[in-house]
Amino acid sequence: IIVAPAGRGGHQALHKRLIDDLAVGNCVSFNDQQVGELIRYMSRYGSG
């Protein structure tokens, strides 16, 4: 489901990091700040 990002903007940095992590396996590690960012993108930024 996580595909290469298109365009520029706030979420592209998160998306690129996810793609880079998933290029070497199926696990992604998040620190506290990154978990917050993930949850915010999942729940607060509309239905894009």
ModelCIF file with pLDDT and N, C-alpha, C, O atoms, coordinates in Angstrom:
data_MODEL
#
_entry.id   MODEL 
#
_entity.id                         1 
_entity.type                       polymer 
_entity.pdbx_number_of_molecules   1 
#
_entity_poly.entity_id                      1 
_entity_poly.type                           'polypeptide(L)' 
_entity_poly.nstd_linkage                   no 
_entity_poly.nstd_monomer                   no 
_entity_poly.pdbx_seq_one_letter_code       IIVAPAGRGGHQALHKRLIDDLAVGNCVSFNDQQVGELIRYMSRYGSG 
_entity_poly.pdbx_seq_one_letter_code_can   IIVAPAGRGGHQALHKRLIDDLAVGNCVSFNDQQVGELIRYMSRYGSG 
_entity_poly.pdbx_strand_id                 A 
#
loop_
_entity_poly_seq.entity_id 
_entity_poly_seq.num 
_entity_poly_seq.mon_id 
_entity_poly_seq.hetero 
1 1  ILE n 
1 2  ILE n 
1 3  VAL n 
1 4  ALA n 
1 5  PRO n 
1 6  ALA n 
1 7  GLY n 
1 8  ARG n 
1 9  GLY n 
1 10 GLY n 
1 11 HIS n 
1 12 GLN n 
1 13 ALA n 
1 14 LEU n 
1 15 HIS n 
1 16 LYS n 
1 17 ARG n 
1 18 LEU n 
1 19 ILE n 
1 20 ASP n 
1 21 ASP n 
1 22 LEU n 
1 23 ALA n 
1 24 VAL n 
1 25 GLY n 
1 26 ASN n 
1 27 CYS n 
1 28 VAL n 
1 29 SER n 
1 30 PHE n 
1 31 ASN n 
1 32 ASP n 
1 33 GLN n 
1 34 GLN n 
1 35 VAL n 
1 36 GLY n 
1 37 GLU n 
1 38 LEU n 
1 39 ILE n 
1 40 ARG n 
1 41 TYR n 
1 42 MET n 
1 43 SER n 
1 44 ARG n 
1 45 TYR n 
1 46 GLY n 
1 47 SER n 
1 48 GLY n 
#
_struct_asym.id          A 
_struct_asym.entity_id   1 
#
loop_
_ma_qa_metric.id 
_ma_qa_metric.mode 
_ma_qa_metric.name 
_ma_qa_metric.software_group_id 
_ma_qa_metric.type 
1 global pLDDT . pLDDT 
2 local  pLDDT . pLDDT 
#
_ma_qa_metric_global.metric_id      1 
_ma_qa_metric_global.metric_value   82.44 
_ma_qa_metric_global.model_id       1 
_ma_qa_metric_global.ordinal_id     1 
#
loop_
_ma_qa_metric_local.label_asym_id 
_ma_qa_metric_local.label_comp_id 
_ma_qa_metric_local.label_seq_id 
_ma_qa_metric_local.metric_id 
_ma_qa_metric_local.metric_value 
_ma_qa_metric_local.model_id 
_ma_qa_metric_local.ordinal_id 
A ILE 1  2 86.00 1 1  
A ILE 2  2 85.00 1 2  
A VAL 3  2 70.00 1 3  
A ALA 4  2 61.00 1 4  
A PRO 5  2 62.00 1 5  
A ALA 6  2 61.00 1 6  
A GLY 7  2 61.00 1 7  
A ARG 8  2 62.00 1 8  
A GLY 9  2 62.00 1 9  
A GLY 10 2 63.00 1 10 
A HIS 11 2 75.00 1 11 
A GLN 12 2 80.00 1 12 
A ALA 13 2 84.00 1 13 
A LEU 14 2 86.00 1 14 
A HIS 15 2 87.00 1 15 
A LYS 16 2 87.00 1 16 
A ARG 17 2 89.00 1 17 
A LEU 18 2 91.00 1 18 
A ILE 19 2 90.00 1 19 
A ASP 20 2 91.00 1 20 
A ASP 21 2 92.00 1 21 
A LEU 22 2 92.00 1 22 
A ALA 23 2 92.00 1 23 
A VAL 24 2 90.00 1 24 
A GLY 25 2 92.00 1 25 
A ASN 26 2 93.00 1 26 
A CYS 27 2 92.00 1 27 
A VAL 28 2 93.00 1 28 
A SER 29 2 92.00 1 29 
A PHE 30 2 92.00 1 30 
A ASN 31 2 91.00 1 31 
A ASP 32 2 90.00 1 32 
A GLN 33 2 90.00 1 33 
A GLN 34 2 91.00 1 34 
A VAL 35 2 91.00 1 35 
A GLY 36 2 90.00 1 36 
A GLU 37 2 90.00 1 37 
A LEU 38 2 90.00 1 38 
A ILE 39 2 89.00 1 39 
A ARG 40 2 88.00 1 40 
A TYR 41 2 85.00 1 41 
A MET 42 2 85.00 1 42 
A SER 43 2 84.00 1 43 
A ARG 44 2 80.00 1 44 
A TYR 45 2 70.00 1 45 
A GLY 46 2 66.00 1 46 
A SER 47 2 66.00 1 47 
A GLY 48 2 68.00 1 48 
#
loop_
_atom_site.group_PDB 
_atom_site.id 
_atom_site.type_symbol 
_atom_site.label_atom_id 
_atom_site.label_alt_id 
_atom_site.label_comp_id 
_atom_site.label_asym_id 
_atom_site.label_entity_id 
_atom_site.label_seq_id 
_atom_site.pdbx_PDB_ins_code 
_atom_site.Cartn_x 
_atom_site.Cartn_y 
_atom_site.Cartn_z 
_atom_site.occupancy 
_atom_site.B_iso_or_equiv 
_atom_site.pdbx_formal_charge 
_atom_site.auth_seq_id 
_atom_site.auth_comp_id 
_atom_site.auth_asym_id 
_atom_site.auth_atom_id 
_atom_site.pdbx_PDB_model_num 
ATOM 1   N N  . ILE A 1 1  ? 0.831  -1.206 0.000  1.00 86.00 ? 1  ILE A N  1 
ATOM 2   C CA . ILE A 1 1  ? 0.000  0.000  0.000  1.00 86.00 ? 1  ILE A CA 1 
ATOM 3   C C  . ILE A 1 1  ? 0.867  1.259  0.000  1.00 86.00 ? 1  ILE A C  1 
ATOM 4   O O  . ILE A 1 1  ? 0.484  2.279  -0.574 1.00 86.00 ? 1  ILE A O  1 
ATOM 5   N N  . ILE A 1 2  ? 2.024  1.191  0.636  1.00 85.00 ? 2  ILE A N  1 
ATOM 6   C CA . ILE A 1 2  ? 2.916  2.351  0.715  1.00 85.00 ? 2  ILE A CA 1 
ATOM 7   C C  . ILE A 1 2  ? 3.714  2.418  -0.579 1.00 85.00 ? 2  ILE A C  1 
ATOM 8   O O  . ILE A 1 2  ? 4.594  1.592  -0.822 1.00 85.00 ? 2  ILE A O  1 
ATOM 9   N N  . VAL A 1 3  ? 3.399  3.405  -1.404 1.00 70.00 ? 3  VAL A N  1 
ATOM 10  C CA . VAL A 1 3  ? 4.040  3.537  -2.716 1.00 70.00 ? 3  VAL A CA 1 
ATOM 11  C C  . VAL A 1 3  ? 4.896  4.795  -2.747 1.00 70.00 ? 3  VAL A C  1 
ATOM 12  O O  . VAL A 1 3  ? 4.851  5.609  -1.825 1.00 70.00 ? 3  VAL A O  1 
ATOM 13  N N  . ALA A 1 4  ? 5.669  4.948  -3.805 1.00 61.00 ? 4  ALA A N  1 
ATOM 14  C CA . ALA A 1 4  ? 6.575  6.106  -3.929 1.00 61.00 ? 4  ALA A CA 1 
ATOM 15  C C  . ALA A 1 4  ? 5.800  7.416  -3.865 1.00 61.00 ? 4  ALA A C  1 
ATOM 16  O O  . ALA A 1 4  ? 4.721  7.532  -4.447 1.00 61.00 ? 4  ALA A O  1 
ATOM 17  N N  . PRO A 1 5  ? 6.346  8.400  -3.159 1.00 62.00 ? 5  PRO A N  1 
ATOM 18  C CA . PRO A 1 5  ? 5.661  9.684  -3.045 1.00 62.00 ? 5  PRO A CA 1 
ATOM 19  C C  . PRO A 1 5  ? 5.691  10.461 -4.356 1.00 62.00 ? 5  PRO A C  1 
ATOM 20  O O  . PRO A 1 5  ? 6.582  10.283 -5.187 1.00 62.00 ? 5  PRO A O  1 
ATOM 21  N N  . ALA A 1 6  ? 4.706  11.316 -4.516 1.00 61.00 ? 6  ALA A N  1 
ATOM 22  C CA . ALA A 1 6  ? 4.656  12.203 -5.679 1.00 61.00 ? 6  ALA A CA 1 
ATOM 23  C C  . ALA A 1 6  ? 4.539  13.631 -5.171 1.00 61.00 ? 6  ALA A C  1 
ATOM 24  O O  . ALA A 1 6  ? 3.879  13.883 -4.163 1.00 61.00 ? 6  ALA A O  1 
ATOM 25  N N  . GLY A 1 7  ? 5.159  14.537 -5.845 1.00 61.00 ? 7  GLY A N  1 
ATOM 26  C CA . GLY A 1 7  ? 5.051  15.938 -5.462 1.00 61.00 ? 7  GLY A CA 1 
ATOM 27  C C  . GLY A 1 7  ? 5.961  16.299 -4.320 1.00 61.00 ? 7  GLY A C  1 
ATOM 28  O O  . GLY A 1 7  ? 6.900  15.578 -3.982 1.00 61.00 ? 7  GLY A O  1 
ATOM 29  N N  . ARG A 1 8  ? 5.651  17.459 -3.723 1.00 62.00 ? 8  ARG A N  1 
ATOM 30  C CA . ARG A 1 8  ? 6.444  17.940 -2.586 1.00 62.00 ? 8  ARG A CA 1 
ATOM 31  C C  . ARG A 1 8  ? 5.476  18.391 -1.513 1.00 62.00 ? 8  ARG A C  1 
ATOM 32  O O  . ARG A 1 8  ? 4.319  18.705 -1.793 1.00 62.00 ? 8  ARG A O  1 
ATOM 33  N N  . GLY A 1 9  ? 5.951  18.421 -0.299 1.00 62.00 ? 9  GLY A N  1 
ATOM 34  C CA . GLY A 1 9  ? 5.104  18.868 0.796  1.00 62.00 ? 9  GLY A CA 1 
ATOM 35  C C  . GLY A 1 9  ? 5.466  18.145 2.071  1.00 62.00 ? 9  GLY A C  1 
ATOM 36  O O  . GLY A 1 9  ? 6.443  17.397 2.118  1.00 62.00 ? 9  GLY A O  1 
ATOM 37  N N  . GLY A 1 10 ? 4.683  18.367 3.098  1.00 63.00 ? 10 GLY A N  1 
ATOM 38  C CA . GLY A 1 10 ? 4.990  17.846 4.421  1.00 63.00 ? 10 GLY A CA 1 
ATOM 39  C C  . GLY A 1 10 ? 5.042  16.344 4.506  1.00 63.00 ? 10 GLY A C  1 
ATOM 40  O O  . GLY A 1 10 ? 5.934  15.796 5.154  1.00 63.00 ? 10 GLY A O  1 
ATOM 41  N N  . HIS A 1 11 ? 4.106  15.659 3.866  1.00 75.00 ? 11 HIS A N  1 
ATOM 42  C CA . HIS A 1 11 ? 4.065  14.215 4.057  1.00 75.00 ? 11 HIS A CA 1 
ATOM 43  C C  . HIS A 1 11 ? 5.106  13.466 3.250  1.00 75.00 ? 11 HIS A C  1 
ATOM 44  O O  . HIS A 1 11 ? 5.373  12.301 3.545  1.00 75.00 ? 11 HIS A O  1 
ATOM 45  N N  . GLN A 1 12 ? 5.708  14.088 2.239  1.00 80.00 ? 12 GLN A N  1 
ATOM 46  C CA . GLN A 1 12 ? 6.668  13.368 1.414  1.00 80.00 ? 12 GLN A CA 1 
ATOM 47  C C  . GLN A 1 12 ? 7.884  12.895 2.205  1.00 80.00 ? 12 GLN A C  1 
ATOM 48  O O  . GLN A 1 12 ? 8.429  11.831 1.912  1.00 80.00 ? 12 GLN A O  1 
ATOM 49  N N  . ALA A 1 13 ? 8.317  13.665 3.198  1.00 84.00 ? 13 ALA A N  1 
ATOM 50  C CA . ALA A 1 13 ? 9.469  13.237 4.010  1.00 84.00 ? 13 ALA A CA 1 
ATOM 51  C C  . ALA A 1 13 ? 9.115  11.969 4.783  1.00 84.00 ? 13 ALA A C  1 
ATOM 52  O O  . ALA A 1 13 ? 9.915  11.035 4.843  1.00 84.00 ? 13 ALA A O  1 
ATOM 53  N N  . LEU A 1 14 ? 7.927  11.931 5.371  1.00 86.00 ? 14 LEU A N  1 
ATOM 54  C CA . LEU A 1 14 ? 7.474  10.732 6.082  1.00 86.00 ? 14 LEU A CA 1 
ATOM 55  C C  . LEU A 1 14 ? 7.348  9.576  5.103  1.00 86.00 ? 14 LEU A C  1 
ATOM 56  O O  . LEU A 1 14 ? 7.808  8.470  5.386  1.00 86.00 ? 14 LEU A O  1 
ATOM 57  N N  . HIS A 1 15 ? 6.741  9.817  3.977  1.00 87.00 ? 15 HIS A N  1 
ATOM 58  C CA . HIS A 1 15 ? 6.528  8.765  2.991  1.00 87.00 ? 15 HIS A CA 1 
ATOM 59  C C  . HIS A 1 15 ? 7.858  8.198  2.497  1.00 87.00 ? 15 HIS A C  1 
ATOM 60  O O  . HIS A 1 15 ? 8.004  6.982  2.377  1.00 87.00 ? 15 HIS A O  1 
ATOM 61  N N  . LYS A 1 16 ? 8.825  9.064  2.211  1.00 87.00 ? 16 LYS A N  1 
ATOM 62  C CA . LYS A 1 16 ? 10.146 8.600  1.759  1.00 87.00 ? 16 LYS A CA 1 
ATOM 63  C C  . LYS A 1 16 ? 10.823 7.746  2.819  1.00 87.00 ? 16 LYS A C  1 
ATOM 64  O O  . LYS A 1 16 ? 11.428 6.722  2.501  1.00 87.00 ? 16 LYS A O  1 
ATOM 65  N N  . ARG A 1 17 ? 10.723 8.163  4.080  1.00 89.00 ? 17 ARG A N  1 
ATOM 66  C CA . ARG A 1 17 ? 11.328 7.378  5.156  1.00 89.00 ? 17 ARG A CA 1 
ATOM 67  C C  . ARG A 1 17 ? 10.684 6.000  5.256  1.00 89.00 ? 17 ARG A C  1 
ATOM 68  O O  . ARG A 1 17 ? 11.378 5.001  5.445  1.00 89.00 ? 17 ARG A O  1 
ATOM 69  N N  . LEU A 1 18 ? 9.363  5.942  5.132  1.00 91.00 ? 18 LEU A N  1 
ATOM 70  C CA . LEU A 1 18 ? 8.674  4.651  5.181  1.00 91.00 ? 18 LEU A CA 1 
ATOM 71  C C  . LEU A 1 18 ? 9.125  3.760  4.032  1.00 91.00 ? 18 LEU A C  1 
ATOM 72  O O  . LEU A 1 18 ? 9.394  2.575  4.229  1.00 91.00 ? 18 LEU A O  1 
ATOM 73  N N  . ILE A 1 19 ? 9.208  4.327  2.836  1.00 90.00 ? 19 ILE A N  1 
ATOM 74  C CA . ILE A 1 19 ? 9.640  3.550  1.676  1.00 90.00 ? 19 ILE A CA 1 
ATOM 75  C C  . ILE A 1 19 ? 11.068 3.052  1.862  1.00 90.00 ? 19 ILE A C  1 
ATOM 76  O O  . ILE A 1 19 ? 11.367 1.900  1.549  1.00 90.00 ? 19 ILE A O  1 
ATOM 77  N N  . ASP A 1 20 ? 11.950 3.908  2.367  1.00 91.00 ? 20 ASP A N  1 
ATOM 78  C CA . ASP A 1 20 ? 13.346 3.499  2.595  1.00 91.00 ? 20 ASP A CA 1 
ATOM 79  C C  . ASP A 1 20 ? 13.424 2.367  3.615  1.00 91.00 ? 20 ASP A C  1 
ATOM 80  O O  . ASP A 1 20 ? 14.162 1.403  3.414  1.00 91.00 ? 20 ASP A O  1 
ATOM 81  N N  . ASP A 1 21 ? 12.667 2.477  4.708  1.00 92.00 ? 21 ASP A N  1 
ATOM 82  C CA . ASP A 1 21 ? 12.672 1.419  5.727  1.00 92.00 ? 21 ASP A CA 1 
ATOM 83  C C  . ASP A 1 21 ? 12.103 0.118  5.169  1.00 92.00 ? 21 ASP A C  1 
ATOM 84  O O  . ASP A 1 21 ? 12.631 -0.960 5.442  1.00 92.00 ? 21 ASP A O  1 
ATOM 85  N N  . LEU A 1 22 ? 11.029 0.217  4.391  1.00 92.00 ? 22 LEU A N  1 
ATOM 86  C CA . LEU A 1 22 ? 10.383 -0.976 3.858  1.00 92.00 ? 22 LEU A CA 1 
ATOM 87  C C  . LEU A 1 22 ? 11.153 -1.602 2.710  1.00 92.00 ? 22 LEU A C  1 
ATOM 88  O O  . LEU A 1 22 ? 10.855 -2.730 2.317  1.00 92.00 ? 22 LEU A O  1 
ATOM 89  N N  . ALA A 1 23 ? 12.133 -0.901 2.163  1.00 92.00 ? 23 ALA A N  1 
ATOM 90  C CA . ALA A 1 23 ? 12.957 -1.462 1.092  1.00 92.00 ? 23 ALA A CA 1 
ATOM 91  C C  . ALA A 1 23 ? 13.828 -2.610 1.600  1.00 92.00 ? 23 ALA A C  1 
ATOM 92  O O  . ALA A 1 23 ? 14.283 -3.442 0.814  1.00 92.00 ? 23 ALA A O  1 
ATOM 93  N N  . VAL A 1 24 ? 14.059 -2.655 2.909  1.00 90.00 ? 24 VAL A N  1 
ATOM 94  C CA . VAL A 1 24 ? 14.937 -3.691 3.467  1.00 90.00 ? 24 VAL A CA 1 
ATOM 95  C C  . VAL A 1 24 ? 14.180 -4.704 4.307  1.00 90.00 ? 24 VAL A C  1 
ATOM 96  O O  . VAL A 1 24 ? 14.803 -5.579 4.909  1.00 90.00 ? 24 VAL A O  1 
ATOM 97  N N  . GLY A 1 25 ? 12.879 -4.618 4.367  1.00 92.00 ? 25 GLY A N  1 
ATOM 98  C CA . GLY A 1 25 ? 12.087 -5.568 5.143  1.00 92.00 ? 25 GLY A CA 1 
ATOM 99  C C  . GLY A 1 25 ? 10.674 -5.057 5.339  1.00 92.00 ? 25 GLY A C  1 
ATOM 100 O O  . GLY A 1 25 ? 10.238 -4.124 4.664  1.00 92.00 ? 25 GLY A O  1 
ATOM 101 N N  . ASN A 1 26 ? 9.963  -5.674 6.269  1.00 93.00 ? 26 ASN A N  1 
ATOM 102 C CA . ASN A 1 26 ? 8.573  -5.297 6.507  1.00 93.00 ? 26 ASN A CA 1 
ATOM 103 C C  . ASN A 1 26 ? 8.381  -4.521 7.804  1.00 93.00 ? 26 ASN A C  1 
ATOM 104 O O  . ASN A 1 26 ? 7.246  -4.314 8.233  1.00 93.00 ? 26 ASN A O  1 
ATOM 105 N N  . CYS A 1 27 ? 9.470  -4.089 8.437  1.00 92.00 ? 27 CYS A N  1 
ATOM 106 C CA . CYS A 1 27 ? 9.372  -3.395 9.722  1.00 92.00 ? 27 CYS A CA 1 
ATOM 107 C C  . CYS A 1 27 ? 9.768  -1.930 9.591  1.00 92.00 ? 27 CYS A C  1 
ATOM 108 O O  . CYS A 1 27 ? 10.671 -1.571 8.835  1.00 92.00 ? 27 CYS A O  1 
ATOM 109 N N  . VAL A 1 28 ? 9.069  -1.104 10.347 1.00 93.00 ? 28 VAL A N  1 
ATOM 110 C CA . VAL A 1 28 ? 9.387  0.317  10.437 1.00 93.00 ? 28 VAL A CA 1 
ATOM 111 C C  . VAL A 1 28 ? 9.455  0.659  11.915 1.00 93.00 ? 28 VAL A C  1 
ATOM 112 O O  . VAL A 1 28 ? 8.547  0.312  12.671 1.00 93.00 ? 28 VAL A O  1 
ATOM 113 N N  . SER A 1 29 ? 10.519 1.337  12.339 1.00 92.00 ? 29 SER A N  1 
ATOM 114 C CA . SER A 1 29 ? 10.661 1.767  13.726 1.00 92.00 ? 29 SER A CA 1 
ATOM 115 C C  . SER A 1 29 ? 10.355 3.249  13.834 1.00 92.00 ? 29 SER A C  1 
ATOM 116 O O  . SER A 1 29 ? 10.727 4.040  12.967 1.00 92.00 ? 29 SER A O  1 
ATOM 117 N N  . PHE A 1 30 ? 9.672  3.614  14.911 1.00 92.00 ? 30 PHE A N  1 
ATOM 118 C CA . PHE A 1 30 ? 9.277  4.995  15.146 1.00 92.00 ? 30 PHE A CA 1 
ATOM 119 C C  . PHE A 1 30 ? 9.687  5.411  16.545 1.00 92.00 ? 30 PHE A C  1 
ATOM 120 O O  . PHE A 1 30 ? 9.484  4.662  17.500 1.00 92.00 ? 30 PHE A O  1 
ATOM 121 N N  . ASN A 1 31 ? 10.267 6.607  16.676 1.00 91.00 ? 31 ASN A N  1 
ATOM 122 C CA . ASN A 1 31 ? 10.452 7.158  18.021 1.00 91.00 ? 31 ASN A CA 1 
ATOM 123 C C  . ASN A 1 31 ? 9.136  7.835  18.405 1.00 91.00 ? 31 ASN A C  1 
ATOM 124 O O  . ASN A 1 31 ? 8.198  7.856  17.609 1.00 91.00 ? 31 ASN A O  1 
ATOM 125 N N  . ASP A 1 32 ? 9.059  8.387  19.614 1.00 90.00 ? 32 ASP A N  1 
ATOM 126 C CA . ASP A 1 32 ? 7.805  8.980  20.086 1.00 90.00 ? 32 ASP A CA 1 
ATOM 127 C C  . ASP A 1 32 ? 7.295  10.075 19.157 1.00 90.00 ? 32 ASP A C  1 
ATOM 128 O O  . ASP A 1 32 ? 6.104  10.122 18.849 1.00 90.00 ? 32 ASP A O  1 
ATOM 129 N N  . GLN A 1 33 ? 8.173  10.941 18.717 1.00 90.00 ? 33 GLN A N  1 
ATOM 130 C CA . GLN A 1 33 ? 7.781  12.035 17.828 1.00 90.00 ? 33 GLN A CA 1 
ATOM 131 C C  . GLN A 1 33 ? 7.240  11.489 16.504 1.00 90.00 ? 33 GLN A C  1 
ATOM 132 O O  . GLN A 1 33 ? 6.244  11.994 15.987 1.00 90.00 ? 33 GLN A O  1 
ATOM 133 N N  . GLN A 1 34 ? 7.886  10.473 15.962 1.00 91.00 ? 34 GLN A N  1 
ATOM 134 C CA . GLN A 1 34 ? 7.467  9.900  14.691 1.00 91.00 ? 34 GLN A CA 1 
ATOM 135 C C  . GLN A 1 34 ? 6.134  9.162  14.805 1.00 91.00 ? 34 GLN A C  1 
ATOM 136 O O  . GLN A 1 34 ? 5.334  9.186  13.869 1.00 91.00 ? 34 GLN A O  1 
ATOM 137 N N  . VAL A 1 35 ? 5.884  8.502  15.949 1.00 91.00 ? 35 VAL A N  1 
ATOM 138 C CA . VAL A 1 35 ? 4.589  7.857  16.167 1.00 91.00 ? 35 VAL A CA 1 
ATOM 139 C C  . VAL A 1 35 ? 3.493  8.914  16.164 1.00 91.00 ? 35 VAL A C  1 
ATOM 140 O O  . VAL A 1 35 ? 2.432  8.718  15.572 1.00 91.00 ? 35 VAL A O  1 
ATOM 141 N N  . GLY A 1 36 ? 3.755  10.038 16.830 1.00 90.00 ? 36 GLY A N  1 
ATOM 142 C CA . GLY A 1 36 ? 2.790  11.132 16.836 1.00 90.00 ? 36 GLY A CA 1 
ATOM 143 C C  . GLY A 1 36 ? 2.518  11.646 15.439 1.00 90.00 ? 36 GLY A C  1 
ATOM 144 O O  . GLY A 1 36 ? 1.368  11.905 15.082 1.00 90.00 ? 36 GLY A O  1 
ATOM 145 N N  . GLU A 1 37 ? 3.567  11.795 14.645 1.00 90.00 ? 37 GLU A N  1 
ATOM 146 C CA . GLU A 1 37 ? 3.417  12.260 13.270 1.00 90.00 ? 37 GLU A CA 1 
ATOM 147 C C  . GLU A 1 37 ? 2.584  11.271 12.462 1.00 90.00 ? 37 GLU A C  1 
ATOM 148 O O  . GLU A 1 37 ? 1.688  11.677 11.722 1.00 90.00 ? 37 GLU A O  1 
ATOM 149 N N  . LEU A 1 38 ? 2.867  9.990  12.594 1.00 90.00 ? 38 LEU A N  1 
ATOM 150 C CA . LEU A 1 38 ? 2.121  8.963  11.877 1.00 90.00 ? 38 LEU A CA 1 
ATOM 151 C C  . LEU A 1 38 ? 0.638  9.026  12.238 1.00 90.00 ? 38 LEU A C  1 
ATOM 152 O O  . LEU A 1 38 ? -0.225 9.014  11.360 1.00 90.00 ? 38 LEU A O  1 
ATOM 153 N N  . ILE A 1 39 ? 0.355  9.090  13.518 1.00 89.00 ? 39 ILE A N  1 
ATOM 154 C CA . ILE A 1 39 ? -1.045 9.115  13.961 1.00 89.00 ? 39 ILE A CA 1 
ATOM 155 C C  . ILE A 1 39 ? -1.742 10.395 13.506 1.00 89.00 ? 39 ILE A C  1 
ATOM 156 O O  . ILE A 1 39 ? -2.911 10.358 13.121 1.00 89.00 ? 39 ILE A O  1 
ATOM 157 N N  . ARG A 1 40 ? -1.045 11.515 13.545 1.00 88.00 ? 40 ARG A N  1 
ATOM 158 C CA . ARG A 1 40 ? -1.645 12.765 13.043 1.00 88.00 ? 40 ARG A CA 1 
ATOM 159 C C  . ARG A 1 40 ? -1.995 12.656 11.562 1.00 88.00 ? 40 ARG A C  1 
ATOM 160 O O  . ARG A 1 40 ? -3.088 13.048 11.154 1.00 88.00 ? 40 ARG A O  1 
ATOM 161 N N  . TYR A 1 41 ? -1.079 12.128 10.758 1.00 85.00 ? 41 TYR A N  1 
ATOM 162 C CA . TYR A 1 41 ? -1.371 11.979 9.333  1.00 85.00 ? 41 TYR A CA 1 
ATOM 163 C C  . TYR A 1 41 ? -2.520 11.000 9.111  1.00 85.00 ? 41 TYR A C  1 
ATOM 164 O O  . TYR A 1 41 ? -3.320 11.189 8.195  1.00 85.00 ? 41 TYR A O  1 
ATOM 165 N N  . MET A 1 42 ? -2.613 9.973  9.922  1.00 85.00 ? 42 MET A N  1 
ATOM 166 C CA . MET A 1 42 ? -3.682 8.997  9.772  1.00 85.00 ? 42 MET A CA 1 
ATOM 167 C C  . MET A 1 42 ? -5.039 9.557  10.188 1.00 85.00 ? 42 MET A C  1 
ATOM 168 O O  . MET A 1 42 ? -6.065 9.137  9.653  1.00 85.00 ? 42 MET A O  1 
ATOM 169 N N  . SER A 1 43 ? -5.062 10.497 11.129 1.00 84.00 ? 43 SER A N  1 
ATOM 170 C CA . SER A 1 43 ? -6.338 10.878 11.727 1.00 84.00 ? 43 SER A CA 1 
ATOM 171 C C  . SER A 1 43 ? -6.754 12.337 11.576 1.00 84.00 ? 43 SER A C  1 
ATOM 172 O O  . SER A 1 43 ? -7.940 12.639 11.706 1.00 84.00 ? 43 SER A O  1 
ATOM 173 N N  . ARG A 1 44 ? -5.840 13.237 11.311 1.00 80.00 ? 44 ARG A N  1 
ATOM 174 C CA . ARG A 1 44 ? -6.178 14.655 11.363 1.00 80.00 ? 44 ARG A CA 1 
ATOM 175 C C  . ARG A 1 44 ? -6.102 15.406 10.048 1.00 80.00 ? 44 ARG A C  1 
ATOM 176 O O  . ARG A 1 44 ? -6.577 16.539 9.967  1.00 80.00 ? 44 ARG A O  1 
ATOM 177 N N  . TYR A 1 45 ? -5.534 14.827 9.039  1.00 70.00 ? 45 TYR A N  1 
ATOM 178 C CA . TYR A 1 45 ? -5.294 15.587 7.821  1.00 70.00 ? 45 TYR A CA 1 
ATOM 179 C C  . TYR A 1 45 ? -6.219 15.180 6.686  1.00 70.00 ? 45 TYR A C  1 
ATOM 180 O O  . TYR A 1 45 ? -5.802 15.141 5.529  1.00 70.00 ? 45 TYR A O  1 
ATOM 181 N N  . GLY A 1 46 ? -7.455 14.881 7.004  1.00 66.00 ? 46 GLY A N  1 
ATOM 182 C CA . GLY A 1 46 ? -8.445 14.602 5.976  1.00 66.00 ? 46 GLY A CA 1 
ATOM 183 C C  . GLY A 1 46 ? -8.354 13.199 5.414  1.00 66.00 ? 46 GLY A C  1 
ATOM 184 O O  . GLY A 1 46 ? -7.747 12.300 5.994  1.00 66.00 ? 46 GLY A O  1 
ATOM 185 N N  . SER A 1 47 ? -8.976 13.052 4.273  1.00 66.00 ? 47 SER A N  1 
ATOM 186 C CA . SER A 1 47 ? -9.077 11.719 3.684  1.00 66.00 ? 47 SER A CA 1 
ATOM 187 C C  . SER A 1 47 ? -8.347 11.624 2.353  1.00 66.00 ? 47 SER A C  1 
ATOM 188 O O  . SER A 1 47 ? -8.796 10.926 1.444  1.00 66.00 ? 47 SER A O  1 
ATOM 189 N N  . GLY A 1 48 ? -7.242 12.311 2.235  1.00 68.00 ? 48 GLY A N  1 
ATOM 190 C CA . GLY A 1 48 ? -6.459 12.256 1.001  1.00 68.00 ? 48 GLY A CA 1 
ATOM 191 C C  . GLY A 1 48 ? -5.889 10.876 0.759  1.00 68.00 ? 48 GLY A C  1 
ATOM 192 O O  . GLY A 1 48 ? -5.203 10.658 -0.239 1.00 68.00 ? 48 GLY A O  1 
#
